[in-house]
Protein backbone atom coordinates (compact mmCIF):
# COMPACT_ATOMS: atom_id res chain seq x y z
CA MET A 1 48.92 88.31 92.32
CA SER A 2 52.04 88.39 90.16
CA LYS A 3 54.98 86.13 90.93
CA LYS A 4 57.23 89.17 91.37
CA LEU A 5 54.89 90.76 93.92
CA THR A 6 54.57 87.48 95.82
CA ILE A 7 58.35 87.21 96.18
CA TRP A 8 58.52 90.81 97.39
CA LEU A 9 55.87 90.22 100.04
CA VAL A 10 57.85 87.24 101.30
CA PHE A 11 60.88 89.54 101.67
CA LEU A 12 58.91 92.12 103.65
CA ILE A 13 57.34 89.52 105.93
CA SER A 14 60.72 87.92 106.52
CA LEU A 15 62.25 91.28 107.39
CA GLY A 16 59.39 92.03 109.75
CA VAL A 17 60.08 88.78 111.58
CA LEU A 18 63.82 89.43 111.73
CA MET A 19 63.83 92.92 113.22
CA PRO A 20 61.95 92.43 116.54
CA VAL A 21 64.17 89.58 117.67
CA ARG A 22 67.50 91.24 116.91
CA ALA A 23 68.42 92.23 120.47
CA ALA A 24 67.62 88.86 122.02
CA GLU A 25 69.29 86.82 119.31
CA ASN A 26 72.45 88.93 119.05
CA ALA A 27 72.98 88.56 122.79
CA ALA A 28 73.22 84.80 122.49
CA ALA A 29 76.62 83.19 122.05
CA ASN A 30 75.36 80.81 119.37
CA THR A 31 73.53 83.44 117.36
CA LYS A 32 71.35 81.98 114.62
CA LEU A 33 69.88 85.27 113.45
CA LYS A 34 71.70 88.55 112.83
CA ILE A 35 70.52 91.92 111.56
CA PHE A 36 72.89 94.36 109.87
CA PHE A 37 72.66 98.03 108.96
CA TRP A 38 75.03 99.94 106.69
CA GLU A 39 75.06 103.61 105.75
CA ARG A 40 77.58 105.09 103.32
CA ILE A 41 77.77 108.86 102.93
CA ARG A 42 79.97 109.76 99.97
CA GLN A 43 80.68 113.17 98.46
CA GLU A 44 82.31 113.39 95.02
CA SER A 45 83.49 116.50 93.19
CA TRP A 46 85.33 116.85 89.89
CA ASP A 47 86.01 119.18 87.01
CA ASN A 48 87.23 118.50 83.43
CA THR A 49 87.16 114.75 84.08
CA LEU A 50 84.97 114.04 81.06
CA SER A 51 86.19 116.73 78.65
CA LEU A 52 89.77 117.61 79.71
CA ASN A 53 88.70 121.13 78.77
CA GLU A 54 88.50 123.95 81.31
CA ASN A 55 86.40 126.04 78.91
CA ILE A 56 83.53 123.54 79.02
CA SER A 57 81.13 123.56 81.95
CA ASP A 58 81.23 119.88 82.94
CA SER A 59 82.01 120.12 86.65
CA SER A 60 79.99 117.99 89.03
CA ALA A 61 79.50 117.75 92.78
CA TYR A 62 77.03 115.49 94.54
CA LEU A 63 76.30 113.44 97.64
CA ARG A 64 75.65 109.70 97.42
CA LEU A 65 73.68 108.26 100.32
CA ARG A 66 73.60 104.46 100.24
CA THR A 67 71.51 102.68 102.88
CA SER A 68 71.43 98.92 103.35
CA LEU A 69 69.49 96.69 105.73
CA GLY A 70 70.21 92.99 105.81
CA GLY A 71 69.85 89.78 107.74
CA GLN A 72 71.61 86.45 108.07
CA TRP A 73 69.92 83.31 109.36
CA ARG A 74 71.81 80.14 110.27
CA PRO A 75 69.37 77.45 111.39
CA ASP A 76 72.26 74.98 111.83
CA LYS A 77 75.91 74.49 110.88
CA THR A 78 75.15 73.52 107.28
CA TRP A 79 72.62 76.14 106.15
CA GLU A 80 72.83 79.91 105.80
CA VAL A 81 70.38 82.43 104.29
CA ASN A 82 71.44 86.01 103.43
CA LEU A 83 69.23 88.95 102.52
CA ARG A 84 70.15 92.61 101.95
CA LEU A 85 68.03 95.49 100.66
CA THR A 86 69.72 98.66 99.40
CA ASN A 87 68.79 102.15 98.29
CA GLU A 88 71.09 104.92 97.06
CA ASN A 89 69.96 108.53 96.76
CA ARG A 90 71.93 111.37 95.20
CA HIS A 91 71.82 115.04 96.07
CA TYR A 92 73.33 117.19 93.32
CA LEU A 93 75.08 120.47 94.05
CA ALA A 94 76.43 121.07 90.55
CA PRO A 95 74.46 120.69 88.37
CA LYS A 96 71.41 121.39 90.48
CA SER A 97 69.59 118.19 89.56
CA ASP A 98 70.27 114.60 88.56
CA PRO A 99 71.17 114.65 84.81
CA LYS A 100 69.20 111.42 84.31
CA LEU A 101 66.15 111.88 86.56
CA LYS A 102 65.94 115.69 86.10
CA LYS A 103 65.27 116.23 89.80
CA ASN A 104 67.22 116.30 93.03
CA PHE A 105 67.43 113.94 95.98
CA ASP A 106 65.12 111.39 94.43
CA PHE A 107 64.12 108.39 96.56
CA ASN A 108 65.36 106.14 93.74
CA GLU A 109 65.16 102.36 93.87
CA VAL A 110 65.02 99.92 96.77
CA PHE A 111 66.43 96.72 95.36
CA VAL A 112 67.53 93.30 96.54
CA ASP A 113 71.30 93.60 96.86
CA LEU A 114 71.79 90.06 98.22
CA LEU A 115 69.50 87.05 98.41
CA ASN A 116 71.18 83.67 98.58
CA VAL A 117 71.17 80.31 100.27
CA LYS A 118 74.43 78.61 101.28
CA TRP A 119 74.59 74.86 101.90
CA LYS A 120 77.72 73.43 103.49
CA ASN A 121 78.85 69.78 103.29
CA PRO A 122 75.91 68.31 101.35
CA GLY A 123 76.15 64.53 101.56
CA ARG A 124 79.14 65.06 103.92
CA LEU A 125 81.22 66.20 100.96
CA PRO A 126 83.83 68.98 101.40
CA LEU A 127 81.58 71.20 99.29
CA THR A 128 79.78 74.52 99.76
CA VAL A 129 76.92 75.48 97.44
CA THR A 130 75.83 79.13 97.18
CA LEU A 131 72.71 79.79 95.11
CA GLY A 132 71.12 83.15 94.34
CA ARG A 133 72.18 86.79 94.27
CA GLN A 134 75.64 87.01 95.77
CA GLU A 135 78.94 88.88 95.70
CA LEU A 136 81.79 87.15 93.90
CA MET A 137 85.44 88.20 93.95
CA LEU A 138 88.11 85.82 92.72
CA GLY A 139 91.77 86.66 93.30
CA GLU A 140 92.29 90.43 93.30
CA GLY A 141 89.21 91.03 91.17
CA PHE A 142 91.26 91.29 87.98
CA LEU A 143 88.54 89.60 85.91
CA ILE A 144 85.64 88.86 88.27
CA PHE A 145 84.33 91.30 90.86
CA ASP A 146 81.43 93.55 89.72
CA GLY A 147 78.39 92.18 87.90
CA GLY A 148 76.72 95.54 87.23
CA PRO A 149 79.19 98.32 86.37
CA LEU A 150 76.60 100.83 85.12
CA ASP A 151 75.17 101.52 88.58
CA GLY A 152 78.61 102.47 89.92
CA SER A 153 79.46 101.32 93.42
CA ARG A 154 75.81 101.12 94.40
CA SER A 155 76.04 97.33 94.10
CA ALA A 156 78.41 94.61 92.89
CA TYR A 157 76.20 91.52 92.91
CA PHE A 158 76.00 88.53 90.57
CA ASN A 159 72.96 86.35 89.87
CA GLY A 160 73.97 82.74 89.79
CA MET A 161 75.49 79.72 91.47
CA ARG A 162 78.85 79.00 93.07
CA LEU A 163 80.29 75.65 94.13
CA ASP A 164 83.42 75.50 96.31
CA TYR A 165 85.08 72.10 96.64
CA THR A 166 87.87 71.81 99.20
CA LEU A 167 90.75 69.63 98.02
CA LYS A 168 93.71 68.29 99.98
CA ASN A 169 96.45 70.58 101.33
CA ARG A 170 94.14 73.61 101.58
CA ASN A 171 93.54 73.70 97.82
CA ASN A 172 90.16 74.78 96.53
CA LEU A 173 88.27 74.43 93.24
CA THR A 174 85.42 76.85 92.49
CA PHE A 175 82.78 76.45 89.80
CA PHE A 176 80.56 79.43 89.00
CA PHE A 177 77.71 80.34 86.69
CA VAL A 178 76.34 83.91 86.48
CA ARG A 179 73.75 85.68 84.34
CA GLN A 180 73.41 89.46 84.33
CA PRO A 181 70.38 91.12 82.64
CA LYS A 182 70.49 94.71 81.33
CA THR A 183 68.27 95.89 84.19
CA ASP A 184 67.19 94.21 87.42
CA THR A 185 64.36 92.05 86.06
CA LEU A 186 65.00 88.93 88.16
CA LEU A 187 63.84 90.24 91.57
CA PRO A 188 61.32 92.87 92.71
CA VAL A 189 62.31 96.54 92.83
CA ILE A 190 60.46 99.26 94.76
CA ASN A 191 60.14 102.54 92.84
CA ASP A 192 61.71 100.93 89.78
CA LYS A 193 63.72 103.44 87.69
CA GLU A 194 64.96 100.76 85.28
CA GLN A 195 68.54 101.36 86.36
CA ALA A 196 70.88 100.04 83.69
CA MET A 197 73.28 97.42 85.04
CA VAL A 198 75.13 96.43 81.83
CA GLU A 199 74.85 97.56 78.21
CA ARG A 200 73.58 94.13 77.14
CA GLU A 201 72.81 90.84 78.82
CA GLU A 202 75.88 88.87 79.88
CA GLN A 203 76.56 85.33 81.02
CA GLY A 204 79.61 83.59 82.44
CA VAL A 205 80.61 80.06 83.42
CA GLY A 206 83.94 78.68 84.54
CA PHE A 207 86.37 77.19 87.04
CA TYR A 208 88.81 78.85 89.45
CA PHE A 209 91.51 76.87 91.29
CA SER A 210 93.41 78.28 94.27
CA GLY A 211 96.15 76.44 96.13
CA ARG A 212 99.73 76.48 97.31
CA LEU A 213 103.09 75.13 96.21
CA LYS A 214 105.18 75.29 99.37
CA LYS A 215 105.08 78.99 100.32
CA THR A 216 103.84 80.21 96.93
CA ALA A 217 100.11 80.84 96.47
CA LEU A 218 98.90 79.79 93.02
CA ASP A 219 95.61 80.43 91.22
CA ALA A 220 94.51 79.17 87.80
CA TYR A 221 91.23 79.73 85.97
CA LEU A 222 89.32 78.99 82.82
CA PHE A 223 85.97 80.54 81.97
CA ARG A 224 83.74 81.71 79.17
CA LYS A 225 81.81 84.95 78.93
CA ASP A 226 78.94 85.50 76.48
CA THR A 227 77.43 88.88 75.60
CA PHE A 228 74.11 89.03 73.77
CA GLN A 229 73.21 91.45 70.99
CA ASN A 230 71.43 94.67 71.86
CA GLY A 231 70.64 96.91 68.92
CA LEU A 232 73.90 97.90 67.28
CA LEU A 233 75.92 96.23 70.03
CA GLN A 234 77.14 92.94 68.62
CA ALA A 235 76.96 89.59 70.34
CA GLY A 236 80.25 88.03 71.32
CA ALA A 237 82.01 85.39 73.36
CA ILE A 238 85.45 85.06 74.93
CA HIS A 239 87.30 82.15 76.47
CA VAL A 240 89.70 83.25 79.20
CA ALA A 241 92.62 81.22 80.56
CA GLY A 242 94.97 82.65 83.14
CA GLY A 243 96.77 82.34 86.43
CA ARG A 244 98.02 84.26 89.43
CA ALA A 245 100.96 83.70 91.78
CA VAL A 246 102.09 85.30 95.04
CA VAL A 247 105.76 84.55 95.73
CA PRO A 248 107.15 85.50 99.19
CA PHE A 249 110.91 86.02 98.88
CA THR A 250 111.30 87.00 102.52
CA GLU A 251 108.96 87.91 105.36
CA LYS A 252 108.98 91.49 104.10
CA LEU A 253 109.33 91.12 100.32
CA SER A 254 106.81 89.47 97.97
CA LEU A 255 105.98 89.48 94.27
CA THR A 256 102.44 89.13 92.91
CA GLY A 257 101.68 88.58 89.24
CA GLU A 258 98.68 87.63 87.14
CA ALA A 259 98.25 87.15 83.38
CA ALA A 260 95.46 85.92 81.11
CA LEU A 261 94.83 85.18 77.44
CA GLN A 262 91.47 85.78 75.77
CA LEU A 263 90.21 84.18 72.54
CA GLY A 264 86.76 84.42 71.01
CA THR A 265 84.46 86.28 68.65
CA LEU A 266 82.92 89.74 68.36
CA GLY A 267 80.10 89.72 65.85
CA ASP A 268 81.46 88.09 62.70
CA ASN A 269 85.10 88.79 63.59
CA LYS A 270 87.56 86.86 65.68
CA ARG A 271 89.02 88.46 68.77
CA SER A 272 91.95 88.02 71.13
CA GLY A 273 93.32 89.85 74.11
CA LEU A 274 96.24 89.76 76.50
CA GLY A 275 96.37 91.29 79.95
CA GLY A 276 98.22 91.14 83.21
CA TYR A 277 99.77 92.98 86.12
CA PHE A 278 102.46 92.62 88.74
CA HIS A 279 103.37 94.35 91.98
CA LEU A 280 106.44 94.00 94.19
CA ASP A 281 105.64 94.76 97.82
CA TYR A 282 108.18 95.51 100.53
CA LYS A 283 107.00 95.87 104.12
CA CYS A 284 109.35 98.39 105.64
CA ALA A 285 107.97 98.10 109.19
CA ARG A 286 109.13 101.63 109.91
CA ARG A 287 107.43 104.20 112.09
CA PHE A 288 106.00 107.37 110.62
CA PRO A 289 107.26 109.56 108.93
CA LEU A 290 109.02 106.64 107.21
CA PRO A 291 106.79 104.42 105.01
CA ALA A 292 105.28 101.18 106.27
CA GLN A 293 105.18 99.63 102.79
CA LEU A 294 106.61 100.32 99.34
CA THR A 295 104.99 98.94 96.18
CA LEU A 296 106.28 98.99 92.61
CA GLY A 297 103.96 97.65 89.92
CA GLY A 298 102.77 97.57 86.36
CA VAL A 299 99.64 96.85 84.33
CA TYR A 300 99.29 95.81 80.68
CA LEU A 301 95.91 95.48 78.92
CA SER A 302 96.04 95.05 75.14
CA GLY A 303 94.44 97.47 72.68
CA ASP A 304 92.90 96.95 69.27
CA ASP A 305 95.09 97.32 66.20
CA GLN A 306 92.87 99.27 63.78
CA ALA A 307 94.79 97.88 60.77
CA THR A 308 93.55 94.29 61.30
CA LYS A 309 90.11 92.69 61.01
CA ARG A 310 90.66 90.80 64.27
CA TYR A 311 89.75 92.68 67.45
CA GLU A 312 92.71 92.58 69.86
CA GLY A 313 91.41 94.78 72.68
CA TRP A 314 91.38 93.41 76.23
CA ASP A 315 87.93 92.63 77.60
CA ALA A 316 87.54 93.56 81.26
CA ALA A 317 85.01 90.70 81.60
CA PHE A 318 83.30 91.13 85.01
CA SER A 319 85.86 93.57 86.44
CA ARG A 320 84.70 97.01 85.34
CA TRP A 321 85.35 98.70 88.70
CA PRO A 322 87.88 101.32 89.93
CA LYS A 323 90.71 98.86 90.57
CA TRP A 324 93.54 101.27 89.76
CA SER A 325 91.77 104.65 89.81
CA ASP A 326 88.41 106.03 90.92
CA SER A 327 88.47 108.91 88.43
CA LEU A 328 89.80 107.31 85.24
CA ILE A 329 86.71 105.11 84.94
CA TYR A 330 84.69 108.22 83.97
CA LEU A 331 87.21 109.36 81.36
CA MET A 332 87.17 105.83 79.87
CA ALA A 333 83.50 106.33 79.03
CA ARG A 334 84.59 108.82 76.36
CA GLU A 335 86.82 106.17 74.76
CA THR A 336 84.72 103.00 74.98
CA ARG A 337 82.58 102.35 78.08
CA VAL A 338 82.62 103.45 81.70
CA ALA A 339 85.25 101.54 83.72
CA ASP A 340 86.33 99.67 80.59
CA TRP A 341 89.93 98.78 81.38
CA THR A 342 91.41 98.19 77.92
CA ASN A 343 94.25 99.58 75.78
CA PHE A 344 95.96 100.53 79.01
CA ILE A 345 99.50 100.47 80.40
CA SER A 346 100.55 101.72 83.82
CA LEU A 347 103.89 101.76 85.62
CA TYR A 348 103.34 102.87 89.19
CA ALA A 349 104.81 103.33 92.63
CA ASN A 350 102.91 103.46 95.91
CA LEU A 351 104.03 104.49 99.38
CA MET A 352 101.87 103.49 102.33
CA PHE A 353 102.30 105.28 105.67
CA GLU A 354 100.71 104.66 109.06
CA PRO A 355 100.80 108.01 110.84
CA LEU A 356 98.36 106.73 113.49
CA GLU A 357 97.29 103.27 114.64
CA LYS A 358 94.05 103.28 112.64
CA VAL A 359 95.04 105.69 109.88
CA LYS A 360 96.69 104.76 106.57
CA LEU A 361 98.02 107.17 103.98
CA ASN A 362 98.70 106.01 100.40
CA LEU A 363 100.63 108.10 97.87
CA ALA A 364 100.59 106.65 94.34
CA TRP A 365 102.00 107.85 91.04
CA HIS A 366 101.06 106.22 87.71
CA GLN A 367 102.80 106.82 84.40
CA LEU A 368 100.09 105.90 81.88
CA SER A 369 100.21 104.97 78.21
CA ALA A 370 98.35 102.89 75.61
CA PRO A 371 99.52 99.90 73.52
CA GLN A 372 97.61 101.17 70.45
CA ASN A 373 96.57 104.50 68.97
CA MET A 374 92.87 105.32 68.89
CA PRO A 375 90.97 107.00 66.02
CA PRO A 376 91.03 110.81 66.43
CA SER A 377 88.00 112.41 68.08
CA THR A 378 87.05 115.48 70.09
CA LEU A 379 89.00 113.94 72.99
CA LEU A 380 91.70 111.72 71.43
CA SER A 381 94.57 112.91 69.25
CA GLY A 382 94.95 109.70 67.24
CA ASN A 383 98.72 110.11 66.95
CA GLY A 384 100.11 109.53 70.45
CA ARG A 385 100.26 106.74 73.02
CA SER A 386 101.29 108.56 76.20
CA ARG A 387 98.19 109.01 78.32
CA GLY A 388 99.87 111.13 80.99
CA ASP A 389 100.53 111.10 84.73
CA LEU A 390 98.13 110.29 87.53
CA LEU A 391 98.73 111.21 91.17
CA ILE A 392 96.55 109.61 93.86
CA VAL A 393 96.45 110.55 97.54
CA LYS A 394 94.26 108.31 99.70
CA ILE A 395 93.67 108.52 103.45
CA MET A 396 91.81 105.65 105.13
CA TYR A 397 90.80 105.80 108.78
CA GLU A 398 88.88 103.67 111.24
CA ILE A 399 87.36 105.58 114.14
CA ASN A 400 85.92 102.46 115.80
CA LYS A 401 84.40 99.12 114.80
CA ASN A 402 81.24 100.88 113.62
CA LEU A 403 82.60 103.96 111.86
CA ALA A 404 85.26 104.31 109.16
CA GLY A 405 86.00 106.59 106.25
CA ARG A 406 88.37 107.68 103.53
CA LEU A 407 89.46 110.71 101.52
CA ILE A 408 90.76 110.45 97.94
CA TRP A 409 92.30 113.13 95.73
CA GLU A 410 93.30 112.31 92.16
CA ASN A 411 95.11 114.64 89.78
CA PHE A 412 95.51 113.68 86.12
CA ASN A 413 97.77 115.50 83.65
CA PRO A 414 97.04 114.30 80.08
CA ASP A 415 99.68 113.81 77.38
CA ASN A 416 99.69 113.27 73.59
CA PHE A 417 97.18 110.39 73.61
CA TYR A 418 94.62 113.16 74.03
CA ILE A 419 94.00 116.25 71.91
CA VAL A 420 96.49 119.12 71.88
CA GLY A 421 95.80 121.49 74.74
CA ALA A 422 93.97 118.93 76.90
CA ASP A 423 93.68 120.27 80.45
CA ALA A 424 94.42 118.51 83.73
CA TYR A 425 91.65 117.59 86.13
CA ASN A 426 91.17 117.12 89.87
CA TRP A 427 88.81 114.57 91.37
CA VAL A 428 87.93 114.40 95.09
CA GLN A 429 85.96 111.89 97.12
CA PHE A 430 85.12 111.94 100.84
CA GLU A 431 83.34 109.04 102.50
CA LEU A 432 81.97 107.96 105.87
CA PHE A 433 80.81 104.40 106.41
CA PHE A 434 78.59 103.30 109.35
CA ARG A 435 77.96 99.63 110.12
CA PHE A 436 75.97 98.07 112.95
């Protein structure tokens, strides 16, 4: 019996043991064993998002059904074991079948979304060790959040180790090591479709400090990311140093900012990058129809100057996810890679309303541009830096503790960064999320 099959059988046996005792264990006050179920039903529709051309038939509409079953076991106060299995199916309405699988509503993969062991206070030290497949978000996810961008929001896991050491005055120092293969080859997969997770194998190692200076929250980090060669894709490495601060001016007004510098290599060439963002948040505390919060912000991610041998483009590291827009990540695939936040500037404003107790409405407007021109192509003009305007309307609602959802509409009007005559697009997402 192969090692991979043996591990998978252990998972199935463990799950079979977990399920029958759920009711009895969950009723206890000092629950040691918990079972969780999640179901996400998401519908996405868009047109012109990839081509910015109404005369090309590139519209798409599909359902994404993501199902997860997981368990958590705490034998005592110092140990914790987490397991989650996930499957996501897609039902295509336009086109009529999955462009990759060439069929509709395929069962797709059942994969191990989480599998980790957490050990608290080993040797009575103020330390927590997390080993295995885990989710990892540091700060606002500016550089570290999603370990596998090519499977979309199906998963966001990392394979690796995390150490959290608690210092004095509520300060914390985190060490992490992660390794992400091109496809999920580290753990068993049922009905393996060889889903691509990243374009080439990646590895990261570093430190992340979080603490406080009086009322100001401060973060600082230093890490290295290595990418390994895959065909024509060159190997490379970057060293990243940066920091983040949250400054509360008053109870209602605060300023958040983060910036990082990147230095390294890409193939035989040197590389560098500079990126950062800020947002000023004012809590209005007003009743609807007046806003509950006003946010003004900006984003800067450097682009590559084609006239130099050095590569100056910002590397999104492990943060290729829809941080500022759910639709732009698809358009980025025509420039570089999907969800590749680089050569990007945004000045934006956001109004958040609370029309009902459990309903939030966000209205955001982004004025987008690019630090550098891009070579002309069938999509890019090559002689402009104004990307255009993006309008985002997002409604988030919580029906009860088990059921929530959201509705997103994004409208993008391109400018001279793109080809003459580029058309606007609309992108819509509706989602329901069940959890038990």
